[in-house]
């Protein structure tokens, strides 16, 4: 019995350690890094609770091109942001979520893949700063009964303002690094 329990614990530990090793490295120096943020409205598609927002680093080429920013429910949609993007070109790659009613969620996971090219514009980071990706709305596209579901991406001005999003992010920024908070404060003063 102890052998089985030890094997299970070893397996769980290896999965957790392996999961932590995936993706870009942990950043401690934000001198050459940028803040990237945007907003998503998923009110018109099947998923109504996001589980993942992922951006893809188009250039320069990287061994770890997928970035998973933090996201929070905000002003009728989701605000996503990260404080540690290096110089390069990035675009929204994929969203996924579930259909939930209060705390009860269905078993289906809905994925909205934009692909590496896709319809969303790329964000070019040339120097450390604060970069707003924009606000988008996903809309369900009517298809035939036996056809796969489709969605369309529209840029929208119906979400929160850039100022509201930055003000929401500022508390997290101060906890991460004072330099990040200063960059956000400077951007707020220019708005």
Protein backbone atom coordinates (compact mmCIF):
# COMPACT_ATOMS: atom_id res chain seq x y z
CA UNK A 1 0.00 0.00 0.00
CA UNK A 2 2.84 2.41 0.85
CA UNK A 3 4.51 1.61 -2.50
CA UNK A 4 1.34 2.61 -4.37
CA UNK A 5 0.94 5.77 -2.30
CA UNK A 6 4.63 6.69 -2.90
CA UNK A 7 4.26 6.05 -6.64
CA UNK A 8 1.18 8.29 -6.81
CA UNK A 9 2.95 11.08 -4.88
CA UNK A 10 6.02 10.79 -7.13
CA UNK A 11 3.81 11.01 -10.24
CA UNK A 12 1.93 14.06 -8.94
CA UNK A 13 5.21 15.78 -7.99
CA UNK A 14 6.72 15.13 -11.44
CA UNK A 15 3.62 16.55 -13.17
CA UNK A 16 3.72 19.68 -11.00
CA UNK A 17 7.45 20.23 -11.52
CA UNK A 18 7.11 19.65 -15.27
CA UNK A 19 4.18 22.09 -15.45
CA UNK A 20 6.17 24.80 -13.70
CA UNK A 21 9.05 24.47 -16.15
CA UNK A 22 6.93 25.23 -19.26
CA UNK A 23 6.71 28.71 -20.78
CA UNK A 24 8.87 31.84 -20.51
CA UNK A 25 11.26 32.14 -17.58
CA UNK A 26 10.41 33.96 -14.36
CA UNK A 27 11.35 37.64 -14.66
CA UNK A 28 13.02 39.50 -11.80
CA UNK A 29 14.49 42.46 -13.72
CA UNK A 30 11.83 44.53 -15.53
CA UNK A 31 14.25 47.14 -16.94
CA UNK A 32 13.88 45.91 -20.53
CA UNK A 33 10.32 44.51 -20.22
CA UNK A 34 6.92 45.91 -21.17
CA UNK A 35 3.35 45.89 -19.92
CA UNK A 36 0.86 44.43 -22.42
CA UNK A 37 -2.90 44.54 -21.83
CA UNK A 38 -6.26 44.28 -23.56
CA UNK A 39 -9.94 43.51 -23.03
CA UNK A 40 -12.23 40.77 -24.39
CA UNK A 41 -16.04 40.55 -24.52
CA UNK A 42 -17.27 36.94 -24.85
CA UNK A 43 -20.95 37.67 -24.18
CA UNK A 44 -22.12 36.50 -27.63
CA UNK A 45 -20.33 33.13 -27.83
CA UNK A 46 -20.85 29.75 -26.16
CA UNK A 47 -18.25 30.20 -23.39
CA UNK A 48 -19.09 32.73 -20.71
CA UNK A 49 -16.21 32.01 -18.30
CA UNK A 50 -12.63 32.19 -19.57
CA UNK A 51 -10.01 29.65 -18.55
CA UNK A 52 -7.14 30.72 -20.79
CA UNK A 53 -5.92 33.72 -22.73
CA UNK A 54 -2.82 33.08 -24.79
CA UNK A 55 -0.63 35.34 -26.92
CA UNK A 56 1.92 34.14 -29.46
CA UNK A 57 5.36 35.69 -29.99
CA UNK A 58 5.68 36.04 -33.77
CA UNK A 59 9.18 37.55 -33.70
CA UNK A 60 11.91 37.18 -32.77
CA UNK A 61 11.67 33.40 -32.84
CA UNK A 62 11.65 31.81 -29.41
CA UNK A 63 11.70 28.34 -27.88
CA UNK A 64 8.84 29.50 -25.62
CA UNK A 65 6.60 31.63 -27.90
CA UNK A 66 3.32 31.20 -25.96
CA UNK A 67 2.49 33.77 -23.28
CA UNK A 68 -0.34 33.32 -20.77
CA UNK A 69 -1.21 36.69 -19.24
CA UNK A 70 -3.25 37.09 -16.10
CA UNK A 71 -6.95 37.77 -16.75
CA UNK A 72 -9.79 38.95 -14.55
CA UNK A 73 -13.51 39.53 -15.02
CA UNK A 74 -13.84 43.28 -15.60
CA UNK A 75 -16.61 45.61 -16.82
CA UNK A 76 -18.71 42.94 -18.56
CA UNK A 77 -15.74 41.18 -20.16
CA UNK A 78 -12.20 40.15 -19.28
CA UNK A 79 -9.14 42.30 -18.77
CA UNK A 80 -5.87 40.50 -19.55
CA UNK A 81 -2.38 41.78 -18.81
CA UNK A 82 1.24 40.88 -18.14
CA UNK A 83 4.18 42.99 -16.99
CA UNK A 84 7.10 41.04 -18.45
CA UNK A 85 6.97 41.05 -22.27
CA UNK A 86 10.36 41.45 -24.00
CA UNK A 87 10.73 43.34 -27.29
CA UNK A 88 9.07 41.55 -30.19
CA UNK A 89 5.82 41.11 -32.08
CA UNK A 90 2.83 39.49 -30.35
CA UNK A 91 -0.74 38.63 -31.24
CA UNK A 92 -3.72 37.06 -29.56
CA UNK A 93 -3.49 33.33 -30.27
CA UNK A 94 -6.23 31.49 -28.39
CA UNK A 95 -8.99 31.84 -25.79
CA UNK A 96 -10.79 28.99 -24.09
CA UNK A 97 -13.53 28.69 -21.53
CA UNK A 98 -16.72 27.02 -20.41
CA UNK A 99 -20.44 27.78 -20.30
CA UNK A 100 -21.39 28.31 -16.66
CA UNK A 101 -24.56 29.16 -14.77
CA UNK A 102 -23.58 30.71 -11.45
CA UNK A 103 -21.06 28.19 -10.02
CA UNK A 104 -22.16 25.22 -12.16
CA UNK A 105 -20.16 24.72 -15.35
CA UNK A 106 -20.71 22.32 -18.23
CA UNK A 107 -18.17 19.69 -19.30
CA UNK A 108 -17.49 21.25 -22.72
CA UNK A 109 -14.47 23.46 -23.25
CA UNK A 110 -14.89 26.01 -26.01
CA UNK A 111 -11.71 27.11 -27.79
CA UNK A 112 -11.42 30.20 -29.94
CA UNK A 113 -8.22 29.95 -31.92
CA UNK A 114 -6.95 32.93 -33.88
CA UNK A 115 -3.98 31.00 -35.28
CA UNK A 116 -0.59 32.52 -35.87
CA UNK A 117 -1.88 34.83 -38.61
CA UNK A 118 -5.59 35.25 -37.84
CA UNK A 119 -7.73 38.35 -37.87
CA UNK A 120 -6.32 40.14 -34.85
CA UNK A 121 -3.62 42.73 -35.35
CA UNK A 122 -0.15 42.14 -33.99
CA UNK A 123 1.37 44.37 -31.32
CA UNK A 124 4.95 45.48 -31.93
CA UNK A 125 7.07 46.18 -28.83
CA UNK A 126 10.16 48.17 -29.75
CA UNK A 127 11.11 49.62 -26.36
CA UNK A 128 10.12 49.04 -22.73
CA UNK A 129 6.76 50.66 -22.04
CA UNK A 130 3.01 50.09 -21.80
CA UNK A 131 1.22 48.60 -24.83
CA UNK A 132 -2.55 48.43 -25.26
CA UNK A 133 -3.59 45.57 -27.57
CA UNK A 134 -7.17 46.83 -27.85
CA UNK A 135 -10.69 45.74 -26.96
CA UNK A 136 -12.32 42.95 -28.95
CA UNK A 137 -15.70 41.27 -29.01
CA UNK A 138 -16.20 37.68 -30.12
CA UNK A 139 -19.43 37.12 -32.04
CA UNK A 140 -21.04 33.80 -32.95
CA UNK A 141 -21.41 33.26 -36.71
CA UNK A 142 -24.54 31.43 -37.82
CA UNK A 143 -23.72 28.12 -39.52
CA UNK A 144 -25.73 25.20 -40.84
CA UNK A 145 -27.07 22.49 -38.56
CA UNK A 146 -24.24 20.03 -39.28
CA UNK A 147 -21.45 22.63 -39.60
CA UNK A 148 -18.89 23.41 -36.94
CA UNK A 149 -19.41 26.54 -34.86
CA UNK A 150 -17.59 29.66 -36.05
CA UNK A 151 -16.84 33.02 -34.52
CA UNK A 152 -15.90 36.47 -35.70
CA UNK A 153 -13.65 39.04 -34.03
CA UNK A 154 -14.67 42.70 -33.93
CA UNK A 155 -12.77 45.56 -32.36
CA UNK A 156 -15.10 47.43 -30.02
CA UNK A 157 -15.25 50.71 -28.13
CA UNK A 158 -18.08 49.50 -25.87
CA UNK A 159 -15.76 48.16 -23.16
CA UNK A 160 -13.90 49.97 -20.40
CA UNK A 161 -11.56 52.83 -21.20
CA UNK A 162 -7.81 52.40 -21.28
CA UNK A 163 -7.67 54.53 -18.11
CA UNK A 164 -10.07 52.19 -16.25
CA UNK A 165 -7.99 49.16 -17.21
CA UNK A 166 -4.70 50.75 -16.16
CA UNK A 167 -6.20 51.85 -12.83
CA UNK A 168 -7.34 48.25 -12.23
CA UNK A 169 -3.84 46.91 -12.99
CA UNK A 170 -1.89 49.43 -10.87
CA UNK A 171 -2.22 47.51 -7.56
CA UNK A 172 -0.73 44.36 -9.10
CA UNK A 173 2.02 46.40 -10.73
CA UNK A 174 3.19 47.84 -7.41
CA UNK A 175 3.39 44.34 -5.95
CA UNK A 176 5.53 43.15 -8.88
CA UNK A 177 8.07 45.95 -9.28
CA UNK A 178 8.08 49.73 -8.66
CA UNK A 179 9.40 50.33 -12.21
CA UNK A 180 6.29 48.68 -13.68
CA UNK A 181 4.03 50.85 -11.52
CA UNK A 182 5.94 53.99 -12.61
CA UNK A 183 5.44 53.10 -16.29
CA UNK A 184 1.71 52.66 -15.75
CA UNK A 185 1.48 55.95 -13.82
CA UNK A 186 3.30 57.74 -16.66
CA UNK A 187 0.86 56.27 -19.20
CA UNK A 188 -2.10 57.37 -17.05
CA UNK A 189 -0.77 60.94 -16.96
CA UNK A 190 -0.65 61.02 -20.79
CA UNK A 191 -4.31 59.91 -21.12
